[in-house]
Amino acid sequence: MKAKVYVTLRKSVFDPQGKAVQEALGSMGFNEVQSVRMGKYIELDLGSTEKSQAEQKIKVMCEKLLTNTVIEDYRYELN
């Protein structure tokens, strides 16, 4: 089973990297971009695992290592 994890900063957290990208896009003529939020994308191959077991493991991985839950949110997809 494969997992895709998407990590983003919480809406209440200022994103300086996103702001820099937004400004760079504006200087390149892409003025229609209102805002940019940067994040991380992580792919995991869990081998052959039941979906419920995989969900539990992904949550633990995200809470303990893959995200900083104080400032980041995450979501995942299992295939």
N, C-alpha and C. Protein backbone atom coordinates (compact mmCIF):
# COMPACT_ATOMS: atom_id res chain seq x y z
N MET A 1 0.84 -1.18 0.00
CA MET A 1 0.00 0.00 0.00
C MET A 1 0.89 1.24 0.00
N LYS A 2 0.49 2.24 -0.75
CA LYS A 2 1.24 3.48 -0.82
C LYS A 2 0.46 4.60 -0.16
N ALA A 3 1.19 5.51 0.47
CA ALA A 3 0.59 6.66 1.13
C ALA A 3 1.19 7.94 0.55
N LYS A 4 0.34 8.91 0.35
CA LYS A 4 0.78 10.25 -0.06
C LYS A 4 0.40 11.19 1.08
N VAL A 5 1.39 11.89 1.60
CA VAL A 5 1.16 12.80 2.73
C VAL A 5 1.42 14.23 2.26
N TYR A 6 0.46 15.11 2.52
CA TYR A 6 0.56 16.51 2.16
C TYR A 6 0.64 17.33 3.45
N VAL A 7 1.69 18.11 3.60
CA VAL A 7 1.92 18.89 4.82
C VAL A 7 1.92 20.37 4.45
N THR A 8 1.14 21.16 5.17
CA THR A 8 1.09 22.61 4.94
C THR A 8 1.13 23.34 6.28
N LEU A 9 1.60 24.58 6.22
CA LEU A 9 1.55 25.40 7.42
C LEU A 9 0.10 25.73 7.74
N ARG A 10 -0.22 25.83 9.01
CA ARG A 10 -1.57 26.22 9.41
C ARG A 10 -1.86 27.63 8.90
N LYS A 11 -3.13 27.90 8.66
CA LYS A 11 -3.52 29.21 8.11
C LYS A 11 -3.05 30.36 9.00
N SER A 12 -2.99 30.14 10.31
CA SER A 12 -2.61 31.20 11.24
C SER A 12 -1.11 31.45 11.29
N VAL A 13 -0.31 30.63 10.61
CA VAL A 13 1.16 30.75 10.64
C VAL A 13 1.62 31.49 9.38
N PHE A 14 2.42 32.53 9.58
CA PHE A 14 2.98 33.28 8.46
C PHE A 14 3.91 32.39 7.66
N ASP A 15 3.82 32.48 6.34
CA ASP A 15 4.61 31.64 5.44
C ASP A 15 5.58 32.52 4.64
N PRO A 16 6.79 32.77 5.17
CA PRO A 16 7.72 33.65 4.48
C PRO A 16 8.17 33.11 3.12
N GLN A 17 8.30 31.80 2.99
CA GLN A 17 8.69 31.22 1.71
C GLN A 17 7.57 31.43 0.68
N GLY A 18 6.34 31.22 1.09
CA GLY A 18 5.21 31.46 0.20
C GLY A 18 5.12 32.91 -0.23
N LYS A 19 5.38 33.83 0.70
CA LYS A 19 5.35 35.26 0.40
C LYS A 19 6.44 35.61 -0.62
N ALA A 20 7.63 35.03 -0.44
CA ALA A 20 8.73 35.29 -1.37
C ALA A 20 8.38 34.79 -2.78
N VAL A 21 7.77 33.62 -2.87
CA VAL A 21 7.38 33.08 -4.17
C VAL A 21 6.29 33.95 -4.80
N GLN A 22 5.33 34.40 -3.99
CA GLN A 22 4.29 35.28 -4.50
C GLN A 22 4.88 36.56 -5.08
N GLU A 23 5.82 37.17 -4.36
CA GLU A 23 6.45 38.40 -4.84
C GLU A 23 7.27 38.15 -6.10
N ALA A 24 7.97 37.01 -6.16
CA ALA A 24 8.74 36.68 -7.35
C ALA A 24 7.83 36.49 -8.55
N LEU A 25 6.71 35.81 -8.35
CA LEU A 25 5.75 35.63 -9.44
C LEU A 25 5.20 36.97 -9.91
N GLY A 26 4.92 37.87 -8.95
CA GLY A 26 4.45 39.21 -9.31
C GLY A 26 5.46 39.97 -10.13
N SER A 27 6.74 39.84 -9.77
CA SER A 27 7.78 40.54 -10.52
C SER A 27 7.98 39.95 -11.92
N MET A 28 7.50 38.72 -12.10
CA MET A 28 7.58 38.08 -13.42
C MET A 28 6.33 38.33 -14.26
N GLY A 29 5.41 39.14 -13.71
CA GLY A 29 4.22 39.50 -14.45
C GLY A 29 2.98 38.68 -14.11
N PHE A 30 3.08 37.78 -13.16
CA PHE A 30 1.93 36.97 -12.75
C PHE A 30 1.21 37.65 -11.58
N ASN A 31 0.66 38.82 -11.85
CA ASN A 31 0.04 39.63 -10.81
C ASN A 31 -1.29 39.09 -10.32
N GLU A 32 -1.86 38.12 -11.03
CA GLU A 32 -3.13 37.55 -10.61
C GLU A 32 -3.01 36.63 -9.40
N VAL A 33 -1.79 36.25 -9.03
CA VAL A 33 -1.58 35.37 -7.87
C VAL A 33 -1.80 36.19 -6.60
N GLN A 34 -2.85 35.83 -5.87
CA GLN A 34 -3.23 36.55 -4.66
C GLN A 34 -2.39 36.15 -3.44
N SER A 35 -2.09 34.85 -3.35
CA SER A 35 -1.27 34.38 -2.23
C SER A 35 -0.69 33.01 -2.58
N VAL A 36 0.38 32.66 -1.88
CA VAL A 36 1.04 31.36 -2.07
C VAL A 36 1.31 30.77 -0.70
N ARG A 37 1.00 29.49 -0.53
CA ARG A 37 1.34 28.75 0.68
C ARG A 37 2.20 27.57 0.25
N MET A 38 3.37 27.42 0.82
CA MET A 38 4.28 26.33 0.48
C MET A 38 4.05 25.16 1.44
N GLY A 39 4.46 23.98 1.01
CA GLY A 39 4.30 22.80 1.84
C GLY A 39 5.24 21.69 1.43
N LYS A 40 4.96 20.50 1.93
CA LYS A 40 5.77 19.32 1.64
C LYS A 40 4.86 18.22 1.11
N TYR A 41 5.42 17.38 0.26
CA TYR A 41 4.73 16.21 -0.27
C TYR A 41 5.63 15.01 -0.01
N ILE A 42 5.08 13.99 0.62
CA ILE A 42 5.86 12.82 1.00
C ILE A 42 5.15 11.57 0.49
N GLU A 43 5.90 10.67 -0.16
CA GLU A 43 5.36 9.39 -0.60
C GLU A 43 5.98 8.28 0.24
N LEU A 44 5.14 7.37 0.71
CA LEU A 44 5.61 6.24 1.51
C LEU A 44 5.08 4.94 0.91
N ASP A 45 5.93 3.95 0.81
CA ASP A 45 5.49 2.61 0.40
C ASP A 45 5.43 1.77 1.66
N LEU A 46 4.23 1.38 2.06
CA LEU A 46 4.04 0.66 3.31
C LEU A 46 4.03 -0.85 3.13
N GLY A 47 4.29 -1.33 1.94
CA GLY A 47 4.21 -2.76 1.70
C GLY A 47 2.76 -3.20 1.70
N SER A 48 2.50 -4.44 2.01
CA SER A 48 1.13 -4.92 2.03
C SER A 48 0.58 -4.80 3.45
N THR A 49 -0.28 -3.83 3.64
CA THR A 49 -0.88 -3.55 4.94
C THR A 49 -2.37 -3.31 4.75
N GLU A 50 -3.17 -3.69 5.72
CA GLU A 50 -4.61 -3.40 5.68
C GLU A 50 -4.81 -1.90 5.79
N LYS A 51 -5.87 -1.41 5.18
CA LYS A 51 -6.11 0.03 5.14
C LYS A 51 -6.24 0.63 6.54
N SER A 52 -6.99 0.00 7.43
CA SER A 52 -7.17 0.55 8.79
C SER A 52 -5.84 0.58 9.54
N GLN A 53 -5.03 -0.44 9.36
CA GLN A 53 -3.72 -0.49 10.02
C GLN A 53 -2.79 0.57 9.42
N ALA A 54 -2.85 0.74 8.10
CA ALA A 54 -2.03 1.75 7.43
C ALA A 54 -2.41 3.15 7.91
N GLU A 55 -3.71 3.42 8.06
CA GLU A 55 -4.15 4.74 8.54
C GLU A 55 -3.60 5.03 9.93
N GLN A 56 -3.65 4.05 10.81
CA GLN A 56 -3.11 4.24 12.16
C GLN A 56 -1.62 4.54 12.12
N LYS A 57 -0.89 3.79 11.30
CA LYS A 57 0.56 3.98 11.22
C LYS A 57 0.91 5.34 10.63
N ILE A 58 0.19 5.74 9.59
CA ILE A 58 0.46 7.05 8.97
C ILE A 58 0.22 8.17 9.98
N LYS A 59 -0.86 8.10 10.73
CA LYS A 59 -1.15 9.13 11.73
C LYS A 59 -0.01 9.22 12.75
N VAL A 60 0.48 8.09 13.21
CA VAL A 60 1.58 8.08 14.19
C VAL A 60 2.84 8.66 13.57
N MET A 61 3.15 8.25 12.34
CA MET A 61 4.33 8.79 11.65
C MET A 61 4.26 10.31 11.52
N CYS A 62 3.09 10.80 11.13
CA CYS A 62 2.92 12.25 10.96
C CYS A 62 3.04 12.98 12.28
N GLU A 63 2.42 12.44 13.31
CA GLU A 63 2.43 13.10 14.62
C GLU A 63 3.82 13.09 15.25
N LYS A 64 4.59 12.04 15.02
CA LYS A 64 5.89 11.91 15.68
C LYS A 64 7.08 12.44 14.89
N LEU A 65 7.01 12.41 13.54
CA LEU A 65 8.20 12.76 12.77
C LEU A 65 7.94 13.64 11.56
N LEU A 66 6.95 13.31 10.76
CA LEU A 66 6.81 13.96 9.46
C LEU A 66 6.27 15.38 9.53
N THR A 67 5.59 15.74 10.61
CA THR A 67 5.05 17.10 10.72
C THR A 67 5.36 17.70 12.08
N ASN A 68 5.32 19.00 12.13
CA ASN A 68 5.36 19.73 13.40
C ASN A 68 3.92 20.15 13.65
N THR A 69 3.21 19.39 14.45
CA THR A 69 1.76 19.61 14.61
C THR A 69 1.41 20.92 15.31
N VAL A 70 2.39 21.61 15.84
CA VAL A 70 2.13 22.92 16.44
C VAL A 70 1.84 23.95 15.35
N ILE A 71 2.57 23.85 14.22
CA ILE A 71 2.42 24.85 13.16
C ILE A 71 1.98 24.28 11.82
N GLU A 72 1.90 22.94 11.71
CA GLU A 72 1.57 22.34 10.42
C GLU A 72 0.33 21.47 10.51
N ASP A 73 -0.40 21.42 9.40
CA ASP A 73 -1.51 20.50 9.22
C ASP A 73 -1.08 19.45 8.20
N TYR A 74 -1.75 18.32 8.21
CA TYR A 74 -1.45 17.30 7.21
C TYR A 74 -2.72 16.57 6.81
N ARG A 75 -2.64 15.99 5.64
CA ARG A 75 -3.67 15.07 5.16
C ARG A 75 -2.95 14.00 4.38
N TYR A 76 -3.62 12.88 4.20
CA TYR A 76 -2.97 11.78 3.48
C TYR A 76 -3.99 11.04 2.62
N GLU A 77 -3.45 10.32 1.64
CA GLU A 77 -4.24 9.47 0.76
C GLU A 77 -3.57 8.11 0.76
N LEU A 78 -4.37 7.06 0.79
CA LEU A 78 -3.85 5.71 0.71
C LEU A 78 -4.31 5.07 -0.59
N ASN A 79 -3.40 4.40 -1.28
CA ASN A 79 -3.72 3.70 -2.53
C ASN A 79 -3.26 2.26 -2.45
